[in-house]
Amino acid sequence: MAADEHEDERPRLTAAPSGAGGAGKAPVQQESEASPSGGGIRRFPGFLRASWAELRRVRWPDRTQTAQGVGVVLVFVAIAGAFLGAVDALASQLVDLII
Protein backbone atom coordinates (compact mmCIF):
# COMPACT_ATOMS: atom_id res chain seq x y z
CA MET A 1 0.00 0.00 0.00
CA ALA A 2 1.28 3.41 -0.87
CA ALA A 3 1.34 6.31 1.53
CA ASP A 4 -0.92 8.26 -0.84
CA GLU A 5 -3.77 5.79 -0.29
CA HIS A 6 -4.10 6.74 3.39
CA GLU A 7 -3.87 10.52 3.11
CA ASP A 8 -7.64 10.91 3.30
CA GLU A 9 -7.77 8.95 6.58
CA ARG A 10 -5.35 11.26 8.38
CA PRO A 11 -6.66 14.27 10.31
CA ARG A 12 -5.86 17.56 8.63
CA LEU A 13 -3.84 20.28 10.36
CA THR A 14 -4.70 23.89 9.70
CA ALA A 15 -3.30 27.08 11.11
CA ALA A 16 -5.25 28.78 13.86
CA PRO A 17 -7.20 31.82 12.70
CA SER A 18 -5.13 34.96 12.90
CA GLY A 19 -6.39 37.78 15.01
CA ALA A 20 -5.46 39.64 18.14
CA GLY A 21 -3.89 36.60 19.80
CA GLY A 22 -3.58 34.26 16.82
CA ALA A 23 0.15 34.64 16.27
CA GLY A 24 2.28 31.84 17.64
CA LYS A 25 -0.54 29.36 18.18
CA ALA A 26 -0.16 25.70 17.24
CA PRO A 27 -2.07 24.17 14.30
CA VAL A 28 -5.63 23.06 15.01
CA GLN A 29 -6.57 19.45 14.26
CA GLN A 30 -9.77 18.95 12.25
CA GLU A 31 -11.75 15.75 11.99
CA SER A 32 -11.51 13.98 8.66
CA GLU A 33 -14.70 13.93 6.61
CA ALA A 34 -13.74 10.54 5.10
CA SER A 35 -13.80 8.60 8.39
CA PRO A 36 -16.33 5.78 8.07
CA SER A 37 -19.11 5.50 10.59
CA GLY A 38 -18.59 2.06 12.05
CA GLY A 39 -15.22 2.76 13.51
CA GLY A 40 -12.20 0.57 13.73
CA ILE A 41 -13.72 -2.83 13.02
CA ARG A 42 -13.98 -2.03 9.29
CA ARG A 43 -10.47 -0.55 9.17
CA PHE A 44 -8.82 -3.40 11.11
CA PRO A 45 -7.99 -5.62 8.07
CA GLY A 46 -6.33 -2.63 6.40
CA PHE A 47 -4.38 -1.97 9.58
CA LEU A 48 -3.16 -5.59 9.61
CA ARG A 49 -2.08 -5.40 5.95
CA ALA A 50 -0.24 -2.12 6.53
CA SER A 51 1.43 -3.51 9.67
CA TRP A 52 2.58 -6.64 7.83
CA ALA A 53 3.95 -4.53 4.96
CA GLU A 54 5.84 -2.35 7.45
CA LEU A 55 7.29 -5.40 9.22
CA ARG A 56 8.57 -6.71 5.89
CA ARG A 57 10.49 -3.44 5.36
CA VAL A 58 12.25 -3.60 8.73
CA ARG A 59 15.96 -4.40 8.63
CA TRP A 60 16.23 -7.08 11.30
CA PRO A 61 19.59 -7.57 13.06
CA ASP A 62 21.65 -10.67 12.30
CA ARG A 63 23.01 -13.06 14.91
CA THR A 64 26.26 -11.10 15.40
CA GLN A 65 24.48 -7.77 15.95
CA THR A 66 22.05 -9.41 18.38
CA ALA A 67 24.89 -11.01 20.37
CA GLN A 68 26.75 -7.68 20.54
CA GLY A 69 23.61 -5.90 21.72
CA VAL A 70 22.97 -8.52 24.41
CA GLY A 71 26.59 -8.27 25.55
CA VAL A 72 26.41 -4.48 25.86
CA VAL A 73 23.16 -4.70 27.84
CA LEU A 74 24.58 -7.34 30.21
CA VAL A 75 27.73 -5.28 30.86
CA PHE A 76 25.72 -2.16 31.66
CA VAL A 77 23.35 -4.14 33.90
CA ALA A 78 26.36 -5.52 35.80
CA ILE A 79 27.84 -2.03 36.18
CA ALA A 80 24.52 -0.57 37.35
CA GLY A 81 24.02 -3.48 39.76
CA ALA A 82 27.47 -3.02 41.27
CA PHE A 83 26.95 0.73 41.61
CA LEU A 84 23.53 0.36 43.23
CA GLY A 85 24.86 -2.38 45.52
CA ALA A 86 27.69 -0.13 46.67
CA VAL A 87 25.34 2.82 47.24
CA ASP A 88 22.99 0.54 49.19
CA ALA A 89 25.84 -0.74 51.37
CA LEU A 90 27.02 2.81 52.11
CA ALA A 91 23.49 4.00 52.85
CA SER A 92 22.95 1.02 55.14
CA GLN A 93 26.12 1.82 57.11
CA LEU A 94 25.09 5.46 57.33
CA VAL A 95 21.67 4.55 58.67
CA ASP A 96 23.31 2.19 61.23
CA LEU A 97 25.57 5.02 62.41
CA ILE A 98 22.61 7.37 62.84
CA ILE A 99 20.55 4.82 64.75
C-alpha atoms as a PDB file:
ATOM      1  CA  MET A   1       0.000   0.000   0.000  1.00  0.00           C
ATOM      2  CA  ALA A   2       1.282   3.411  -0.866  1.00  0.00           C
ATOM      3  CA  ALA A   3       1.345   6.314   1.525  1.00  0.00           C
ATOM      4  CA  ASP A   4      -0.924   8.259  -0.845  1.00  0.00           C
ATOM      5  CA  GLU A   5      -3.772   5.789  -0.294  1.00  0.00           C
ATOM      6  CA  HIS A   6      -4.096   6.741   3.392  1.00  0.00           C
ATOM      7  CA  GLU A   7      -3.869  10.515   3.114  1.00  0.00           C
ATOM      8  CA  ASP A   8      -7.638  10.910   3.299  1.00  0.00           C
ATOM      9  CA  GLU A   9      -7.773   8.953   6.579  1.00  0.00           C
ATOM     10  CA  ARG A  10      -5.355  11.264   8.380  1.00  0.00           C
ATOM     11  CA  PRO A  11      -6.656  14.270  10.307  1.00  0.00           C
ATOM     12  CA  ARG A  12      -5.865  17.560   8.628  1.00  0.00           C
ATOM     13  CA  LEU A  13      -3.844  20.283  10.356  1.00  0.00           C
ATOM     14  CA  THR A  14      -4.698  23.895   9.696  1.00  0.00           C
ATOM     15  CA  ALA A  15      -3.302  27.082  11.109  1.00  0.00           C
ATOM     16  CA  ALA A  16      -5.247  28.781  13.863  1.00  0.00           C
ATOM     17  CA  PRO A  17      -7.199  31.819  12.701  1.00  0.00           C
ATOM     18  CA  SER A  18      -5.130  34.961  12.905  1.00  0.00           C
ATOM     19  CA  GLY A  19      -6.392  37.777  15.012  1.00  0.00           C
ATOM     20  CA  ALA A  20      -5.455  39.644  18.142  1.00  0.00           C
ATOM     21  CA  GLY A  21      -3.892  36.596  19.804  1.00  0.00           C
ATOM     22  CA  GLY A  22      -3.577  34.255  16.823  1.00  0.00           C
ATOM     23  CA  ALA A  23       0.146  34.641  16.272  1.00  0.00           C
ATOM     24  CA  GLY A  24       2.278  31.840  17.638  1.00  0.00           C
ATOM     25  CA  LYS A  25      -0.540  29.358  18.181  1.00  0.00           C
ATOM     26  CA  ALA A  26      -0.163  25.702  17.244  1.00  0.00           C
ATOM     27  CA  PRO A  27      -2.066  24.173  14.304  1.00  0.00           C
ATOM     28  CA  VAL A  28      -5.628  23.059  15.009  1.00  0.00           C
ATOM     29  CA  GLN A  29      -6.573  19.455  14.258  1.00  0.00           C
ATOM     30  CA  GLN A  30      -9.765  18.948  12.248  1.00  0.00           C
ATOM     31  CA  GLU A  31     -11.749  15.746  11.990  1.00  0.00           C
ATOM     32  CA  SER A  32     -11.512  13.978   8.655  1.00  0.00           C
ATOM     33  CA  GLU A  33     -14.704  13.928   6.605  1.00  0.00           C
ATOM     34  CA  ALA A  34     -13.739  10.545   5.103  1.00  0.00           C
ATOM     35  CA  SER A  35     -13.803   8.602   8.389  1.00  0.00           C
ATOM     36  CA  PRO A  36     -16.333   5.776   8.072  1.00  0.00           C
ATOM     37  CA  SER A  37     -19.109   5.497  10.595  1.00  0.00           C
ATOM     38  CA  GLY A  38     -18.587   2.057  12.054  1.00  0.00           C
ATOM     39  CA  GLY A  39     -15.219   2.758  13.510  1.00  0.00           C
ATOM     40  CA  GLY A  40     -12.203   0.575  13.731  1.00  0.00           C
ATOM     41  CA  ILE A  41     -13.715  -2.829  13.018  1.00  0.00           C
ATOM     42  CA  ARG A  42     -13.981  -2.035   9.293  1.00  0.00           C
ATOM     43  CA  ARG A  43     -10.474  -0.551   9.173  1.00  0.00           C
ATOM     44  CA  PHE A  44      -8.825  -3.403  11.113  1.00  0.00           C
ATOM     45  CA  PRO A  45      -7.987  -5.622   8.072  1.00  0.00           C
ATOM     46  CA  GLY A  46      -6.328  -2.628   6.399  1.00  0.00           C
ATOM     47  CA  PHE A  47      -4.385  -1.973   9.579  1.00  0.00           C
ATOM     48  CA  LEU A  48      -3.163  -5.591   9.609  1.00  0.00           C
ATOM     49  CA  ARG A  49      -2.083  -5.397   5.947  1.00  0.00           C
ATOM     50  CA  ALA A  50      -0.241  -2.124   6.532  1.00  0.00           C
ATOM     51  CA  SER A  51       1.427  -3.514   9.669  1.00  0.00           C
ATOM     52  CA  TRP A  52       2.576  -6.645   7.831  1.00  0.00           C
ATOM     53  CA  ALA A  53       3.946  -4.532   4.961  1.00  0.00           C
ATOM     54  CA  GLU A  54       5.838  -2.353   7.454  1.00  0.00           C
ATOM     55  CA  LEU A  55       7.290  -5.405   9.224  1.00  0.00           C
ATOM     56  CA  ARG A  56       8.568  -6.707   5.894  1.00  0.00           C
ATOM     57  CA  ARG A  57      10.490  -3.439   5.359  1.00  0.00           C
ATOM     58  CA  VAL A  58      12.247  -3.602   8.732  1.00  0.00           C
ATOM     59  CA  ARG A  59      15.958  -4.396   8.627  1.00  0.00           C
ATOM     60  CA  TRP A  60      16.227  -7.078  11.296  1.00  0.00           C
ATOM     61  CA  PRO A  61      19.592  -7.574  13.063  1.00  0.00           C
ATOM     62  CA  ASP A  62      21.649 -10.669  12.297  1.00  0.00           C
ATOM     63  CA  ARG A  63      23.014 -13.058  14.912  1.00  0.00           C
ATOM     64  CA  THR A  64      26.264 -11.097  15.404  1.00  0.00           C
ATOM     65  CA  GLN A  65      24.481  -7.767  15.955  1.00  0.00           C
ATOM     66  CA  THR A  66      22.050  -9.415  18.377  1.00  0.00           C
ATOM     67  CA  ALA A  67      24.893 -11.010  20.370  1.00  0.00           C
ATOM     68  CA  GLN A  68      26.746  -7.680  20.539  1.00  0.00           C
ATOM     69  CA  GLY A  69      23.609  -5.901  21.722  1.00  0.00           C
ATOM     70  CA  VAL A  70      22.967  -8.519  24.406  1.00  0.00           C
ATOM     71  CA  GLY A  71      26.590  -8.267  25.546  1.00  0.00           C
ATOM     72  CA  VAL A  72      26.408  -4.485  25.861  1.00  0.00           C
ATOM     73  CA  VAL A  73      23.164  -4.702  27.838  1.00  0.00           C
ATOM     74  CA  LEU A  74      24.582  -7.336  30.206  1.00  0.00           C
ATOM     75  CA  VAL A  75      27.732  -5.276  30.858  1.00  0.00           C
ATOM     76  CA  PHE A  76      25.720  -2.159  31.663  1.00  0.00           C
ATOM     77  CA  VAL A  77      23.352  -4.137  33.897  1.00  0.00           C
ATOM     78  CA  ALA A  78      26.360  -5.523  35.802  1.00  0.00           C
ATOM     79  CA  ILE A  79      27.841  -2.026  36.182  1.00  0.00           C
ATOM     80  CA  ALA A  80      24.517  -0.570  37.346  1.00  0.00           C
ATOM     81  CA  GLY A  81      24.018  -3.477  39.764  1.00  0.00           C
ATOM     82  CA  ALA A  82      27.475  -3.016  41.269  1.00  0.00           C
ATOM     83  CA  PHE A  83      26.946   0.733  41.609  1.00  0.00           C
ATOM     84  CA  LEU A  84      23.530   0.361  43.233  1.00  0.00           C
ATOM     85  CA  GLY A  85      24.855  -2.379  45.519  1.00  0.00           C
ATOM     86  CA  ALA A  86      27.691  -0.127  46.669  1.00  0.00           C
ATOM     87  CA  VAL A  87      25.337   2.819  47.241  1.00  0.00           C
ATOM     88  CA  ASP A  88      22.988   0.542  49.192  1.00  0.00           C
ATOM     89  CA  ALA A  89      25.839  -0.741  51.375  1.00  0.00           C
ATOM     90  CA  LEU A  90      27.023   2.813  52.107  1.00  0.00           C
ATOM     91  CA  ALA A  91      23.494   3.999  52.854  1.00  0.00           C
ATOM     92  CA  SER A  92      22.946   1.016  55.137  1.00  0.00           C
ATOM     93  CA  GLN A  93      26.121   1.817  57.114  1.00  0.00           C
ATOM     94  CA  LEU A  94      25.094   5.464  57.327  1.00  0.00           C
ATOM     95  CA  VAL A  95      21.674   4.553  58.672  1.00  0.00           C
ATOM     96  CA  ASP A  96      23.308   2.190  61.228  1.00  0.00           C
ATOM     97  CA  LEU A  97      25.573   5.020  62.407  1.00  0.00           C
ATOM     98  CA  ILE A  98      22.612   7.369  62.839  1.00  0.00           C
ATOM     99  CA  ILE A  99      20.554   4.824  64.750  1.00  0.00           C
END
